[in-house]
C-alpha atoms as a PDB file:
ATOM      1  CA  MET A   1     -13.505  -8.560 -14.988  1.00  0.00           C
ATOM      2  CA  LYS A   2     -10.359 -10.061 -15.599  1.00  0.00           C
ATOM      3  CA  GLN A   3     -10.386 -14.404 -14.851  1.00  0.00           C
ATOM      4  CA  LEU A   4      -7.003 -15.555 -13.835  1.00  0.00           C
ATOM      5  CA  THR A   5      -8.033 -19.082 -12.718  1.00  0.00           C
ATOM      6  CA  GLU A   6     -10.743 -21.502 -12.191  1.00  0.00           C
ATOM      7  CA  ARG A   7     -12.221 -19.094  -8.966  1.00  0.00           C
ATOM      8  CA  VAL A   8      -9.875 -16.044  -9.002  1.00  0.00           C
ATOM      9  CA  TRP A   9     -10.760 -12.802 -10.765  1.00  0.00           C
ATOM     10  CA  TYR A  10      -9.773  -9.316 -10.667  1.00  0.00           C
ATOM     11  CA  ALA A  11     -11.430  -5.937 -11.294  1.00  0.00           C
ATOM     12  CA  PRO A  12      -8.955  -3.681 -12.903  1.00  0.00           C
ATOM     13  CA  GLY A  13      -8.891  -0.250 -11.803  1.00  0.00           C
ATOM     14  CA  GLY A  14      -7.580   2.866 -10.030  1.00  0.00           C
ATOM     15  CA  ALA A  15      -6.661   0.304  -7.386  1.00  0.00           C
ATOM     16  CA  ASN A  16      -7.124  -3.241  -8.061  1.00  0.00           C
ATOM     17  CA  ILE A  17     -10.027  -5.743  -6.434  1.00  0.00           C
ATOM     18  CA  GLY A  18      -9.425  -9.472  -6.329  1.00  0.00           C
ATOM     19  CA  VAL A  19     -12.455 -11.409  -6.613  1.00  0.00           C
ATOM     20  CA  ILE A  20     -12.503 -15.103  -5.207  1.00  0.00           C
ATOM     21  CA  VAL A  21     -15.269 -17.626  -5.601  1.00  0.00           C
ATOM     22  CA  GLY A  22     -15.829 -19.813  -2.431  1.00  0.00           C
ATOM     23  CA  ASP A  23     -18.102 -22.726  -1.506  1.00  0.00           C
ATOM     24  CA  GLY A  24     -21.535 -22.617  -2.601  1.00  0.00           C
ATOM     25  CA  ARG A  25     -20.577 -19.002  -4.384  1.00  0.00           C
ATOM     26  CA  ASP A  26     -19.570 -17.158  -1.728  1.00  0.00           C
ATOM     27  CA  VAL A  27     -17.715 -14.538  -2.549  1.00  0.00           C
ATOM     28  CA  ILE A  28     -14.406 -12.655  -1.255  1.00  0.00           C
ATOM     29  CA  LEU A  29     -12.983  -9.576  -2.471  1.00  0.00           C
ATOM     30  CA  ILE A  30      -9.631  -8.449  -1.857  1.00  0.00           C
ATOM     31  CA  ASP A  31      -9.719  -4.469  -1.244  1.00  0.00           C
ATOM     32  CA  THR A  32     -12.481  -2.491  -2.385  1.00  0.00           C
ATOM     33  CA  GLY A  33     -11.107   0.344  -4.071  1.00  0.00           C
ATOM     34  CA  LEU A  34     -11.134   4.110  -3.479  1.00  0.00           C
ATOM     35  CA  ASN A  35     -15.057   4.854  -2.968  1.00  0.00           C
ATOM     36  CA  ASP A  36     -18.417   3.416  -3.508  1.00  0.00           C
ATOM     37  CA  SER A  37     -17.918   3.612  -7.418  1.00  0.00           C
ATOM     38  CA  ALA A  38     -15.309   0.965  -7.858  1.00  0.00           C
ATOM     39  CA  ALA A  39     -17.103  -1.119  -5.158  1.00  0.00           C
ATOM     40  CA  ARG A  40     -20.379  -0.891  -6.495  1.00  0.00           C
ATOM     41  CA  LYS A  41     -19.276  -2.059  -9.843  1.00  0.00           C
ATOM     42  CA  ALA A  42     -17.588  -5.174  -8.697  1.00  0.00           C
ATOM     43  CA  LEU A  43     -20.141  -5.788  -6.442  1.00  0.00           C
ATOM     44  CA  ARG A  44     -23.123  -5.505  -9.414  1.00  0.00           C
ATOM     45  CA  TRP A  45     -20.513  -8.156 -11.106  1.00  0.00           C
ATOM     46  CA  VAL A  46     -20.484 -10.377  -8.380  1.00  0.00           C
ATOM     47  CA  ARG A  47     -24.291 -10.845  -8.051  1.00  0.00           C
ATOM     48  CA  ASP A  48     -25.291 -10.412 -11.893  1.00  0.00           C
ATOM     49  CA  ASP A  49     -22.666 -12.397 -13.521  1.00  0.00           C
ATOM     50  CA  LEU A  50     -21.196 -14.913 -10.821  1.00  0.00           C
ATOM     51  CA  MET A  51     -24.928 -15.114  -9.149  1.00  0.00           C
ATOM     52  CA  GLY A  52     -22.878 -14.639  -5.868  1.00  0.00           C
ATOM     53  CA  ASN A  53     -22.609 -12.754  -2.661  1.00  0.00           C
ATOM     54  CA  VAL A  54     -19.999 -11.297  -0.802  1.00  0.00           C
ATOM     55  CA  VAL A  55     -19.358 -12.633   2.277  1.00  0.00           C
ATOM     56  CA  ALA A  56     -15.648 -11.264   3.368  1.00  0.00           C
ATOM     57  CA  ILE A  57     -13.668  -8.517   2.408  1.00  0.00           C
ATOM     58  CA  MET A  58      -9.607  -9.101   2.742  1.00  0.00           C
ATOM     59  CA  THR A  59      -7.961  -5.594   3.181  1.00  0.00           C
ATOM     60  CA  THR A  60      -4.092  -5.185   2.338  1.00  0.00           C
ATOM     61  CA  HIS A  61      -3.771  -2.578   4.094  1.00  0.00           C
ATOM     62  CA  GLY A  62      -4.897   0.922   5.814  1.00  0.00           C
ATOM     63  CA  HIS A  63      -4.540   2.820   2.876  1.00  0.00           C
ATOM     64  CA  ALA A  64      -7.875   4.972   1.465  1.00  0.00           C
ATOM     65  CA  ASP A  65      -7.368   3.838  -1.726  1.00  0.00           C
ATOM     66  CA  HIS A  66      -7.827   0.432  -0.758  1.00  0.00           C
ATOM     67  CA  TYR A  67     -10.540   0.305   1.750  1.00  0.00           C
ATOM     68  CA  GLY A  68     -12.718   3.325   0.622  1.00  0.00           C
ATOM     69  CA  GLY A  69     -15.432   0.964  -0.753  1.00  0.00           C
ATOM     70  CA  ASN A  70     -15.510  -1.247   2.246  1.00  0.00           C
ATOM     71  CA  ALA A  71     -18.515   0.592   3.834  1.00  0.00           C
ATOM     72  CA  PHE A  72     -20.324   0.737   1.301  1.00  0.00           C
ATOM     73  CA  VAL A  73     -19.717  -3.296   0.714  1.00  0.00           C
ATOM     74  CA  VAL A  74     -20.607  -4.273   4.303  1.00  0.00           C
ATOM     75  CA  LYS A  75     -23.888  -1.931   4.132  1.00  0.00           C
ATOM     76  CA  ARG A  76     -25.154  -3.926   0.971  1.00  0.00           C
ATOM     77  CA  THR A  77     -24.025  -7.491   2.042  1.00  0.00           C
ATOM     78  CA  GLY A  78     -23.200  -7.885   5.510  1.00  0.00           C
ATOM     79  CA  ALA A  79     -19.569  -9.047   4.811  1.00  0.00           C
ATOM     80  CA  ARG A  80     -16.716  -9.509   7.449  1.00  0.00           C
ATOM     81  CA  VAL A  81     -13.819  -7.245   7.295  1.00  0.00           C
ATOM     82  CA  TYR A  82     -10.346  -8.740   7.752  1.00  0.00           C
ATOM     83  CA  ALA A  83      -7.266  -6.154   8.144  1.00  0.00           C
ATOM     84  CA  PRO A  84      -3.652  -6.758   9.015  1.00  0.00           C
ATOM     85  CA  ALA A  85      -3.059  -5.449  12.929  1.00  0.00           C
ATOM     86  CA  TRP A  86      -2.103  -2.023  13.111  1.00  0.00           C
ATOM     87  CA  ASP A  87      -3.657  -1.210   9.172  1.00  0.00           C
ATOM     88  CA  GLU A  88      -6.708  -1.923  11.318  1.00  0.00           C
ATOM     89  CA  ALA A  89      -6.847   1.292  13.282  1.00  0.00           C
ATOM     90  CA  MET A  90      -6.944   3.075   9.956  1.00  0.00           C
ATOM     91  CA  LEU A  91      -9.663   1.105   8.496  1.00  0.00           C
ATOM     92  CA  ARG A  92     -11.787   2.287  11.994  1.00  0.00           C
ATOM     93  CA  TYR A  93     -10.119   6.138  12.076  1.00  0.00           C
ATOM     94  CA  PRO A  94      -9.845   6.964   8.305  1.00  0.00           C
ATOM     95  CA  LEU A  95      -7.971  10.579   9.423  1.00  0.00           C
ATOM     96  CA  MET A  96      -5.375   8.663  11.169  1.00  0.00           C
ATOM     97  CA  GLN A  97      -4.042   8.597   8.032  1.00  0.00           C
ATOM     98  CA  ALA A  98      -3.679  12.303   7.143  1.00  0.00           C
ATOM     99  CA  VAL A  99      -2.680  12.843  10.952  1.00  0.00           C
ATOM    100  CA  ASN A 100       0.040  10.409  10.291  1.00  0.00           C
ATOM    101  CA  LEU A 101       1.356  12.282   7.151  1.00  0.00           C
ATOM    102  CA  PHE A 102       0.956  15.689   8.919  1.00  0.00           C
ATOM    103  CA  ALA A 103       3.300  14.711  11.672  1.00  0.00           C
ATOM    104  CA  GLY A 104       0.629  13.626  14.037  1.00  0.00           C
ATOM    105  CA  ALA A 105      -0.781  16.595  14.019  1.00  0.00           C
ATOM    106  CA  ASP A 106      -4.508  18.105  13.337  1.00  0.00           C
ATOM    107  CA  PRO A 107      -4.690  18.015   9.419  1.00  0.00           C
ATOM    108  CA  PRO A 108      -5.502  21.088   7.295  1.00  0.00           C
ATOM    109  CA  SER A 109      -8.427  20.973   4.946  1.00  0.00           C
ATOM    110  CA  SER A 110      -6.315  19.950   1.689  1.00  0.00           C
ATOM    111  CA  MET A 111      -5.169  16.796   3.619  1.00  0.00           C
ATOM    112  CA  ARG A 112      -8.876  15.967   3.964  1.00  0.00           C
ATOM    113  CA  THR A 113      -9.866  14.624   0.668  1.00  0.00           C
ATOM    114  CA  PRO A 114     -11.255  11.193  -0.503  1.00  0.00           C
ATOM    115  CA  PHE A 115      -7.933   9.556  -1.506  1.00  0.00           C
ATOM    116  CA  LEU A 116      -6.174   9.940   2.057  1.00  0.00           C
ATOM    117  CA  VAL A 117      -9.486  10.111   4.255  1.00  0.00           C
ATOM    118  CA  ALA A 118     -12.233   7.297   3.613  1.00  0.00           C
ATOM    119  CA  GLU A 119     -15.550   6.576   5.231  1.00  0.00           C
ATOM    120  CA  ALA A 120     -15.019   4.630   8.056  1.00  0.00           C
ATOM    121  CA  SER A 121     -14.994   0.770   7.720  1.00  0.00           C
ATOM    122  CA  PRO A 122     -15.875  -1.815  10.522  1.00  0.00           C
ATOM    123  CA  VAL A 123     -13.052  -4.458  11.067  1.00  0.00           C
ATOM    124  CA  ASP A 124     -14.344  -8.085  12.540  1.00  0.00           C
ATOM    125  CA  GLU A 125     -11.090  -9.827  12.615  1.00  0.00           C
ATOM    126  CA  ILE A 126      -7.643  -9.226  12.431  1.00  0.00           C
ATOM    127  CA  TYR A 127      -5.051 -11.251  10.605  1.00  0.00           C
ATOM    128  CA  GLY A 128      -1.505 -12.204  10.344  1.00  0.00           C
ATOM    129  CA  ALA A 129       0.913 -14.085   7.679  1.00  0.00           C
ATOM    130  CA  GLY A 130      -0.166 -17.390   7.461  1.00  0.00           C
ATOM    131  CA  GLU A 131      -2.907 -19.785   5.574  1.00  0.00           C
ATOM    132  CA  ILE A 132      -6.362 -18.257   6.102  1.00  0.00           C
ATOM    133  CA  GLN A 133      -9.333 -20.110   5.609  1.00  0.00           C
ATOM    134  CA  ILE A 134     -12.760 -18.790   4.378  1.00  0.00           C
ATOM    135  CA  ALA A 135     -15.633 -20.195   2.703  1.00  0.00           C
ATOM    136  CA  GLY A 136     -13.822 -23.371   1.273  1.00  0.00           C
ATOM    137  CA  VAL A 137     -11.211 -20.935  -0.107  1.00  0.00           C
ATOM    138  CA  SER A 138      -7.413 -21.246   1.495  1.00  0.00           C
ATOM    139  CA  MET A 139      -5.288 -17.994   1.133  1.00  0.00           C
ATOM    140  CA  ASN A 140      -1.795 -17.811   2.515  1.00  0.00           C
ATOM    141  CA  ALA A 141      -0.947 -14.077   3.838  1.00  0.00           C
ATOM    142  CA  VAL A 142       2.678 -13.125   3.234  1.00  0.00           C
ATOM    143  CA  SER A 143       3.979  -9.863   4.906  1.00  0.00           C
ATOM    144  CA  LEU A 144       5.028  -7.029   2.422  1.00  0.00           C
ATOM    145  CA  ALA A 145       5.176  -4.332   5.261  1.00  0.00           C
ATOM    146  CA  GLY A 146       7.174  -1.166   4.470  1.00  0.00           C
ATOM    147  CA  HIS A 147       4.571   0.946   2.249  1.00  0.00           C
ATOM    148  CA  SER A 148       2.078   0.612   5.440  1.00  0.00           C
ATOM    149  CA  PRO A 149       3.082  -0.627   9.187  1.00  0.00           C
ATOM    150  CA  ASN A 150       1.860  -3.979   8.040  1.00  0.00           C
ATOM    151  CA  GLN A 151       0.240  -4.627   4.715  1.00  0.00           C
ATOM    152  CA  MET A 152      -0.212  -8.339   3.460  1.00  0.00           C
ATOM    153  CA  GLY A 153      -0.009  -9.801   0.428  1.00  0.00           C
ATOM    154  CA  LEU A 154      -2.410 -12.771  -0.177  1.00  0.00           C
ATOM    155  CA  VAL A 155      -1.872 -16.005  -2.865  1.00  0.00           C
ATOM    156  CA  VAL A 156      -4.669 -17.834  -3.735  1.00  0.00           C
ATOM    157  CA  ASP A 157      -4.649 -20.645  -6.426  1.00  0.00           C
ATOM    158  CA  GLY A 158      -0.983 -19.060  -7.606  1.00  0.00           C
ATOM    159  CA  VAL A 159      -2.235 -15.807  -8.213  1.00  0.00           C
ATOM    160  CA  PHE A 160      -0.288 -13.521  -5.623  1.00  0.00           C
ATOM    161  CA  PHE A 161      -2.219 -10.321  -4.613  1.00  0.00           C
ATOM    162  CA  CYS A 162       0.716  -8.477  -3.965  1.00  0.00           C
ATOM    163  CA  ALA A 163      -1.204  -4.864  -2.871  1.00  0.00           C
ATOM    164  CA  ASP A 164       1.436  -1.792  -3.126  1.00  0.00           C
ATOM    165  CA  VAL A 165       5.083  -4.066  -2.200  1.00  0.00           C
ATOM    166  CA  VAL A 166       5.526  -2.601  -6.441  1.00  0.00           C
ATOM    167  CA  LEU A 167       3.916   0.150  -8.295  1.00  0.00           C
ATOM    168  CA  PRO A 168       3.693  -0.143 -11.816  1.00  0.00           C
ATOM    169  CA  GLU A 169       6.235   1.318 -13.907  1.00  0.00           C
ATOM    170  CA  ALA A 170       3.681   4.235 -15.240  1.00  0.00           C
ATOM    171  CA  ALA A 171       3.477   5.338 -11.187  1.00  0.00           C
ATOM    172  CA  LEU A 172       7.054   5.256 -11.159  1.00  0.00           C
ATOM    173  CA  GLU A 173       7.784   7.706 -13.979  1.00  0.00           C
ATOM    174  CA  LYS A 174       4.854  10.470 -12.426  1.00  0.00           C
ATOM    175  CA  TYR A 175       5.422   9.940  -8.703  1.00  0.00           C
ATOM    176  CA  ARG A 176       9.220   9.535  -8.949  1.00  0.00           C
ATOM    177  CA  MET A 177       9.385   8.656  -5.190  1.00  0.00           C
ATOM    178  CA  PRO A 178       6.562   6.462  -3.530  1.00  0.00           C
ATOM    179  CA  TYR A 179       5.149   6.488  -0.337  1.00  0.00           C
ATOM    180  CA  LEU A 180       7.340   4.697   2.532  1.00  0.00           C
ATOM    181  CA  TYR A 181       6.425   3.839   6.147  1.00  0.00           C
ATOM    182  CA  SER A 182       9.349   2.063   6.488  1.00  0.00           C
ATOM    183  CA  LEU A 183      12.223   1.827   3.861  1.00  0.00           C
ATOM    184  CA  THR A 184      13.833  -1.165   5.719  1.00  0.00           C
ATOM    185  CA  ASP A 185      11.129  -3.118   5.808  1.00  0.00           C
ATOM    186  CA  HIS A 186      10.209  -2.337   2.442  1.00  0.00           C
ATOM    187  CA  LEU A 187      13.636  -3.830   1.022  1.00  0.00           C
ATOM    188  CA  VAL A 188      13.066  -6.615   2.852  1.00  0.00           C
ATOM    189  CA  SER A 189       9.753  -6.991   1.361  1.00  0.00           C
ATOM    190  CA  LEU A 190      10.726  -6.739  -1.953  1.00  0.00           C
ATOM    191  CA  ASP A 191      12.897  -9.642  -1.395  1.00  0.00           C
ATOM    192  CA  ARG A 192      10.285 -11.851   0.022  1.00  0.00           C
ATOM    193  CA  ALA A 193       7.580 -10.938  -2.664  1.00  0.00           C
ATOM    194  CA  LEU A 194      10.370 -12.821  -4.942  1.00  0.00           C
ATOM    195  CA  ASP A 195      10.355 -16.186  -3.002  1.00  0.00           C
ATOM    196  CA  VAL A 196       6.540 -16.137  -3.129  1.00  0.00           C
ATOM    197  CA  GLU A 197       5.483 -18.822  -5.793  1.00  0.00           C
ATOM    198  CA  HIS A 198       3.341 -17.944  -8.533  1.00  0.00           C
ATOM    199  CA  ASP A 199       1.762 -18.024 -11.852  1.00  0.00           C
ATOM    200  CA  HIS A 200      -0.056 -14.778 -11.866  1.00  0.00           C
ATOM    201  CA  VAL A 201       0.613 -11.791 -10.099  1.00  0.00           C
ATOM    202  CA  VAL A 202      -1.912  -8.858  -9.670  1.00  0.00           C
ATOM    203  CA  PRO A 203      -0.141  -5.549  -8.007  1.00  0.00           C
ATOM    204  CA  GLY A 204      -2.719  -2.851  -5.912  1.00  0.00           C
ATOM    205  CA  HIS A 205      -2.146  -0.775  -9.074  1.00  0.00           C
ATOM    206  CA  GLY A 206      -1.518  -1.390 -12.623  1.00  0.00           C
ATOM    207  CA  PRO A 207      -1.972  -4.644 -14.830  1.00  0.00           C
ATOM    208  CA  GLU A 208      -1.220  -8.245 -13.748  1.00  0.00           C
ATOM    209  CA  SER A 209       1.532 -10.204 -15.058  1.00  0.00           C
ATOM    210  CA  ASP A 210       2.790 -13.296 -14.746  1.00  0.00           C
ATOM    211  CA  HIS A 211       5.720 -12.505 -12.189  1.00  0.00           C
ATOM    212  CA  VAL A 212       6.759 -10.048  -9.773  1.00  0.00           C
ATOM    213  CA  SER A 213      10.595  -9.829 -10.458  1.00  0.00           C
ATOM    214  CA  THR A 214      10.389  -7.185 -13.109  1.00  0.00           C
ATOM    215  CA  ALA A 215       8.204  -4.755 -10.607  1.00  0.00           C
ATOM    216  CA  VAL A 216      10.278  -5.493  -7.844  1.00  0.00           C
ATOM    217  CA  GLU A 217      13.547  -4.621  -9.721  1.00  0.00           C
ATOM    218  CA  GLN A 218      12.389  -1.300 -10.914  1.00  0.00           C
ATOM    219  CA  ASN A 219      11.135  -0.507  -7.560  1.00  0.00           C
ATOM    220  CA  ARG A 220      14.025  -1.462  -5.958  1.00  0.00           C
ATOM    221  CA  ASN A 221      15.873   0.603  -8.386  1.00  0.00           C
ATOM    222  CA  VAL A 222      13.997   3.324  -7.435  1.00  0.00           C
ATOM    223  CA  ALA A 223      14.617   3.031  -3.578  1.00  0.00           C
ATOM    224  CA  LEU A 224      18.500   2.484  -4.387  1.00  0.00           C
ATOM    225  CA  ARG A 225      18.555   5.881  -6.193  1.00  0.00           C
ATOM    226  CA  VAL A 226      16.927   7.799  -3.618  1.00  0.00           C
ATOM    227  CA  ILE A 227      19.386   6.120  -1.308  1.00  0.00           C
ATOM    228  CA  GLU A 228      22.339   7.434  -2.699  1.00  0.00           C
ATOM    229  CA  MET A 229      21.168  11.006  -3.565  1.00  0.00           C
ATOM    230  CA  VAL A 230      20.623  11.432   0.395  1.00  0.00           C
ATOM    231  CA  VAL A 231      23.628   9.999   1.030  1.00  0.00           C
ATOM    232  CA  ASP A 232      25.208  12.414  -1.458  1.00  0.00           C
ATOM    233  CA  ALA A 233      23.305  15.010   0.145  1.00  0.00           C
ATOM    234  CA  CYS A 234      24.589  14.685   3.095  1.00  0.00           C
ATOM    235  CA  ARG A 235      27.990  15.493   2.884  1.00  0.00           C
ATOM    236  CA  GLU A 236      27.445  18.537   5.030  1.00  0.00           C
ATOM    237  CA  PRO A 237      25.180  18.510   7.986  1.00  0.00           C
ATOM    238  CA  ARG A 238      21.487  19.035   6.257  1.00  0.00           C
ATOM    239  CA  THR A 239      18.017  19.660   7.955  1.00  0.00           C
ATOM    240  CA  PRO A 240      15.288  17.099   6.546  1.00  0.00           C
ATOM    241  CA  GLY A 241      13.314  19.755   4.435  1.00  0.00           C
ATOM    242  CA  ASP A 242      17.144  20.839   2.372  1.00  0.00           C
ATOM    243  CA  ILE A 243      17.446  17.173   1.890  1.00  0.00           C
ATOM    244  CA  LEU A 244      13.836  16.256   0.513  1.00  0.00           C
ATOM    245  CA  ARG A 245      14.412  19.405  -1.994  1.00  0.00           C
ATOM    246  CA  CYS A 246      17.280  18.188  -2.827  1.00  0.00           C
ATOM    247  CA  VAL A 247      16.228  14.732  -4.121  1.00  0.00           C
ATOM    248  CA  LEU A 248      13.403  16.234  -5.585  1.00  0.00           C
ATOM    249  CA  GLU A 249      15.378  17.995  -7.725  1.00  0.00           C
ATOM    250  CA  GLY A 250      17.189  15.372  -8.335  1.00  0.00           C
ATOM    251  CA  ILE A 251      14.941  13.286  -9.545  1.00  0.00           C
ATOM    252  CA  GLY A 252      12.279  16.045 -11.427  1.00  0.00           C
ATOM    253  CA  ALA A 253       9.831  15.351  -9.156  1.00  0.00           C
ATOM    254  CA  GLU A 254       7.202  18.779  -9.007  1.00  0.00           C
ATOM    255  CA  VAL A 255       5.089  18.991  -6.113  1.00  0.00           C
ATOM    256  CA  SER A 256       2.722  21.785  -5.807  1.00  0.00           C
ATOM    257  CA  ASP A 257      -0.345  20.419  -3.320  1.00  0.00           C
ATOM    258  CA  ALA A 258      -0.641  19.234   0.319  1.00  0.00           C
ATOM    259  CA  PRO A 259      -1.394  16.074  -0.269  1.00  0.00           C
ATOM    260  CA  SER A 260       2.009  14.974  -2.335  1.00  0.00           C
ATOM    261  CA  TYR A 261       3.952  16.813  -0.105  1.00  0.00           C
ATOM    262  CA  TYR A 262       3.229  14.961   2.906  1.00  0.00           C
ATOM    263  CA  LEU A 263       3.477  11.649   1.078  1.00  0.00           C
ATOM    264  CA  LEU A 264       7.283  12.400   0.609  1.00  0.00           C
ATOM    265  CA  HIS A 265       7.681  14.104   3.495  1.00  0.00           C
ATOM    266  CA  PRO A 266       7.297  10.966   5.724  1.00  0.00           C
ATOM    267  CA  THR A 267       8.820   8.998   3.083  1.00  0.00           C
ATOM    268  CA  MET A 268      12.192  11.013   3.185  1.00  0.00           C
ATOM    269  CA  PHE A 269      12.179  10.478   7.095  1.00  0.00           C
ATOM    270  CA  ALA A 270      12.150   6.831   6.417  1.00  0.00           C
ATOM    271  CA  VAL A 271      15.018   6.874   4.351  1.00  0.00           C
ATOM    272  CA  LEU A 272      16.792   8.893   7.060  1.00  0.00           C
ATOM    273  CA  SER A 273      15.973   6.510   9.804  1.00  0.00           C
ATOM    274  CA  HIS A 274      16.731   3.540   7.665  1.00  0.00           C
ATOM    275  CA  LEU A 275      20.148   4.979   6.364  1.00  0.00           C
ATOM    276  CA  GLU A 276      20.651   5.848  10.751  1.00  0.00           C
ATOM    277  CA  ARG A 277      19.992   2.194  11.269  1.00  0.00           C
ATOM    278  CA  THR A 278      22.712   1.028   8.475  1.00  0.00           C
ATOM    279  CA  GLY A 279      25.352   3.408  10.170  1.00  0.00           C
ATOM    280  CA  GLU A 280      25.249   5.602   6.880  1.00  0.00           C
ATOM    281  CA  LEU A 281      24.081   8.725   8.446  1.00  0.00           C
ATOM    282  CA  HIS A 282      24.438  10.459  11.933  1.00  0.00           C
ATOM    283  CA  HIS A 283      21.922  12.291  13.289  1.00  0.00           C
ATOM    284  CA  THR A 284      22.233  15.286  15.555  1.00  0.00           C
ATOM    285  CA  VAL A 285      20.100  18.192  16.999  1.00  0.00           C
ATOM    286  CA  GLU A 286      21.548  21.629  17.361  1.00  0.00           C
ATOM    287  CA  ARG A 287      20.148  25.237  17.725  1.00  0.00           C
ATOM    288  CA  GLY A 288      16.949  23.927  17.451  1.00  0.00           C
ATOM    289  CA  GLN A 289      16.878  21.769  14.339  1.00  0.00           C
ATOM    290  CA  SER A 290      17.600  18.169  13.259  1.00  0.00           C
ATOM    291  CA  PHE A 291      20.419  17.553  11.278  1.00  0.00           C
ATOM    292  CA  TRP A 292      22.108  14.784   9.313  1.00  0.00           C
ATOM    293  CA  LYS A 293      25.187  14.002   7.803  1.00  0.00           C
ATOM    294  CA  ARG A 294      27.193  11.276   6.979  1.00  0.00           C
ATOM    295  CA  SER A 295      28.770   9.253   9.835  1.00  0.00           C
END
């Protein structure tokens, strides 16, 4: 556990878990990690070291690696679960994440992995952007939509838990093109993250730092590079599959399994819809196929 302020800590891991100490040693978790293992460690530390009890879980967005430990924590503590509108449906019906990635259809077994399908979590309260008071703690929720339909960041005592609006440099080098629900919203959220006043930033993945600006610049450059490659690929009419193949070859990303492919497939559609919205691409359906071309 790493302490950032008098009452704000976080547990580094595959997905970082925020720990906020409120009145009477009541504790709020921000996300719970991928599974019971991550949540169990955080819960043990809260009880043994802080002598506290978890009373609330603030879920930043509905992806399994961020709420996978919710059910375990709720079972052990009775904590109330808070989640953003829209994303909250993923917590209650976890298969929806894999369904959405697989074009809205029944996903194959290769996509029904713990990384995409967590144990179902209850949702006690839906929250939106603005101030939230829990256990004597005042938090400010910030809309950071784009990586998910309604992702939220949370600011507590100058610590900005920014969820997955940015990914660390190591992850960008590994995955090259991070998953997005909406590129349009993502670009807005990158700008919004820069406007958040903070002394520390804790991303959903990777180490904390003093400010989010460097990570925002790195993630924006990745998005702009993909945009440029898509527009270049669409000098002639192309199908989404052709465009995705061109981009993957261009960025040197090797995709050899279903989860990786179906994370990038909808991301490409997010790019295409953004470019149609900005007027750079035109969409037609001909001969039973979807084609995209420069306007």
